[in-house]
C-alpha atoms as a PDB file:
ATOM      1  CA  MET A   1     121.512  83.653  68.936  1.00  0.00           C
ATOM      2  CA  TYR A   2     121.143  85.745  65.867  1.00  0.00           C
ATOM      3  CA  PHE A   3     123.788  87.761  63.849  1.00  0.00           C
ATOM      4  CA  LEU A   4     123.018  90.497  61.700  1.00  0.00           C
ATOM      5  CA  ILE A   5     124.666  91.023  58.158  1.00  0.00           C
ATOM      6  CA  ASP A   6     127.839  93.001  59.849  1.00  0.00           C
ATOM      7  CA  TYR A   7     128.119  89.964  62.142  1.00  0.00           C
ATOM      8  CA  SER A   8     127.031  92.247  65.148  1.00  0.00           C
ATOM      9  CA  LEU A   9     125.115  90.200  67.592  1.00  0.00           C
ATOM     10  CA  LEU A  10     121.268  90.817  67.799  1.00  0.00           C
ATOM     11  CA  LEU A  11     119.861  90.324  71.335  1.00  0.00           C
ATOM     12  CA  ASN A  12     116.072  89.106  72.192  1.00  0.00           C
ATOM     13  CA  PHE A  13     114.635  91.336  74.717  1.00  0.00           C
ATOM     14  CA  TYR A  14     111.132  91.720  76.128  1.00  0.00           C
ATOM     15  CA  ARG A  15     109.279  94.906  77.285  1.00  0.00           C
ATOM     16  CA  LEU A  16     106.910  94.367  80.268  1.00  0.00           C
ATOM     17  CA  ASP A  17     104.419  97.056  80.447  1.00  0.00           C
ATOM     18  CA  PHE A  18     102.619  97.457  84.155  1.00  0.00           C
ATOM     19  CA  PRO A  19      99.756  99.489  85.543  1.00  0.00           C
ATOM     20  CA  SER A  20     100.029 101.943  88.159  1.00  0.00           C
ATOM     21  CA  TRP A  21     100.360 100.743  91.554  1.00  0.00           C
ATOM     22  CA  VAL A  22     100.656 101.918  95.029  1.00  0.00           C
ATOM     23  CA  ASN A  23     102.694 101.072  98.035  1.00  0.00           C
ATOM     24  CA  VAL A  24     101.295 101.294 101.436  1.00  0.00           C
ATOM     25  CA  ILE A  25     103.324 102.490 104.516  1.00  0.00           C
ATOM     26  CA  ALA A  26     100.804 102.046 107.656  1.00  0.00           C
ATOM     27  CA  ALA A  27     101.088 102.060 111.230  1.00  0.00           C
ATOM     28  CA  THR A  28      98.520 101.043 113.855  1.00  0.00           C
ATOM     29  CA  GLY A  29      97.445 103.433 116.557  1.00  0.00           C
ATOM     30  CA  ASN A  30     100.382 101.966 118.835  1.00  0.00           C
ATOM     31  CA  GLY A  31     102.706 103.025 116.061  1.00  0.00           C
ATOM     32  CA  GLU A  32     103.308  99.424 114.828  1.00  0.00           C
ATOM     33  CA  LEU A  33     104.417  99.011 111.187  1.00  0.00           C
ATOM     34  CA  ILE A  34     101.713  96.889 109.377  1.00  0.00           C
ATOM     35  CA  LEU A  35     103.287  94.255 107.103  1.00  0.00           C
ATOM     36  CA  ILE A  36     102.250  91.340 105.333  1.00  0.00           C
ATOM     37  CA  ARG A  37     103.368  87.733 104.460  1.00  0.00           C
ATOM     38  CA  GLN A  38     102.926  86.968 100.644  1.00  0.00           C
ATOM     39  CA  TYR A  39     104.315  84.265  98.652  1.00  0.00           C
ATOM     40  CA  ARG A  40     106.283  85.485  95.512  1.00  0.00           C
ATOM     41  CA  PHE A  41     106.836  83.136  92.507  1.00  0.00           C
ATOM     42  CA  GLY A  42     110.044  85.134  91.447  1.00  0.00           C
ATOM     43  CA  THR A  43     111.805  84.508  94.866  1.00  0.00           C
ATOM     44  CA  ASN A  44     109.943  81.088  95.544  1.00  0.00           C
ATOM     45  CA  ARG A  45     109.565  81.910  99.249  1.00  0.00           C
ATOM     46  CA  VAL A  46     107.173  84.008 101.331  1.00  0.00           C
ATOM     47  CA  GLU A  47     108.306  87.524 101.687  1.00  0.00           C
ATOM     48  CA  ILE A  48     107.631  90.192 104.475  1.00  0.00           C
ATOM     49  CA  GLU A  49     106.438  93.492 102.718  1.00  0.00           C
ATOM     50  CA  ILE A  50     104.507  96.390 102.915  1.00  0.00           C
ATOM     51  CA  PRO A  51     100.980  96.300 101.452  1.00  0.00           C
ATOM     52  CA  ARG A  52     100.946  97.129  97.833  1.00  0.00           C
ATOM     53  CA  GLY A  53      98.636  96.600  94.711  1.00  0.00           C
ATOM     54  CA  ALA A  54      97.399  98.116  91.480  1.00  0.00           C
ATOM     55  CA  VAL A  55      95.410 101.605  91.066  1.00  0.00           C
ATOM     56  CA  ASN A  56      92.154 100.635  89.117  1.00  0.00           C
ATOM     57  CA  VAL A  57      91.458 102.742  86.035  1.00  0.00           C
ATOM     58  CA  GLY A  58      89.808 106.138  87.462  1.00  0.00           C
ATOM     59  CA  GLU A  59      90.919 105.472  90.887  1.00  0.00           C
ATOM     60  CA  ILE A  60      93.074 107.996  92.744  1.00  0.00           C
ATOM     61  CA  PRO A  61      96.287 106.497  94.120  1.00  0.00           C
ATOM     62  CA  THR A  62      95.396 107.373  97.943  1.00  0.00           C
ATOM     63  CA  ALA A  63      91.973 105.764  97.597  1.00  0.00           C
ATOM     64  CA  ALA A  64      93.652 102.645  95.916  1.00  0.00           C
ATOM     65  CA  GLY A  65      96.265 102.657  98.922  1.00  0.00           C
ATOM     66  CA  LEU A  66      93.429 102.499 101.767  1.00  0.00           C
ATOM     67  CA  ARG A  67      91.429  99.841  99.424  1.00  0.00           C
ATOM     68  CA  GLU A  68      94.854  97.621  99.263  1.00  0.00           C
ATOM     69  CA  LEU A  69      95.537  98.298 102.945  1.00  0.00           C
ATOM     70  CA  LEU A  70      91.804  96.982 103.917  1.00  0.00           C
ATOM     71  CA  GLU A  71      92.032  94.100 101.317  1.00  0.00           C
ATOM     72  CA  GLU A  72      95.453  92.912 102.237  1.00  0.00           C
ATOM     73  CA  THR A  73      95.415  93.304 106.049  1.00  0.00           C
ATOM     74  CA  GLY A  74      92.108  94.196 107.461  1.00  0.00           C
ATOM     75  CA  TYR A  75      92.951  97.547 108.766  1.00  0.00           C
ATOM     76  CA  SER A  76      91.292 100.528 107.494  1.00  0.00           C
ATOM     77  CA  GLY A  77      92.982 103.885 107.381  1.00  0.00           C
ATOM     78  CA  LYS A  78      91.578 107.612 107.406  1.00  0.00           C
ATOM     79  CA  ASN A  79      94.755 109.655 107.477  1.00  0.00           C
ATOM     80  CA  ARG A  80      96.158 109.468 103.898  1.00  0.00           C
ATOM     81  CA  ARG A  81      98.718 111.423 101.924  1.00  0.00           C
ATOM     82  CA  LEU A  82     100.619 110.765  98.844  1.00  0.00           C
ATOM     83  CA  GLN A  83     104.472 110.521  99.834  1.00  0.00           C
ATOM     84  CA  SER A  84     105.802 110.381  96.643  1.00  0.00           C
ATOM     85  CA  LYS A  85     105.456 109.130  93.107  1.00  0.00           C
ATOM     86  CA  THR A  86     107.639 107.951  90.224  1.00  0.00           C
ATOM     87  CA  ALA A  87     107.633 108.574  86.645  1.00  0.00           C
ATOM     88  CA  ARG A  88     106.072 105.753  84.578  1.00  0.00           C
ATOM     89  CA  TYR A  89     109.618 104.585  82.983  1.00  0.00           C
ATOM     90  CA  GLU A  90     111.123 104.449  86.437  1.00  0.00           C
ATOM     91  CA  ARG A  91     108.886 101.852  87.803  1.00  0.00           C
ATOM     92  CA  THR A  92     110.136  98.356  88.746  1.00  0.00           C
ATOM     93  CA  PRO A  93     107.974  95.266  88.383  1.00  0.00           C
ATOM     94  CA  LEU A  94     106.762  93.634  91.447  1.00  0.00           C
ATOM     95  CA  PRO A  95     108.990  90.771  92.940  1.00  0.00           C
ATOM     96  CA  SER A  96     106.628  88.127  91.760  1.00  0.00           C
ATOM     97  CA  PHE A  97     108.304  88.703  88.242  1.00  0.00           C
ATOM     98  CA  TRP A  98     111.971  88.734  89.525  1.00  0.00           C
ATOM     99  CA  GLU A  99     114.299  85.828  89.388  1.00  0.00           C
ATOM    100  CA  MET A 100     116.640  85.840  92.287  1.00  0.00           C
ATOM    101  CA  ASN A 101     120.120  84.190  92.033  1.00  0.00           C
END
């Protein structure tokens, strides 16, 4: 713990900077949602989640989404659309960084 001269408390904090990433909501031709199982260090367990991943430099988000879908599930897609996006300061780190109590 650190105190300033006026005895107010100075807290340590960390700023984490993450690249842009995409979350993919995909369904099979039968309308089944495509999910993955992935171990996450933050929760210390295997989680069920939608495919997701980082957008490479120079890559457009929809192309990154299709790439991540193929890499993580083996499924390929052809119909793609950007559903929404958030501002950089509103992004939340992946659960691999969360500590769940």
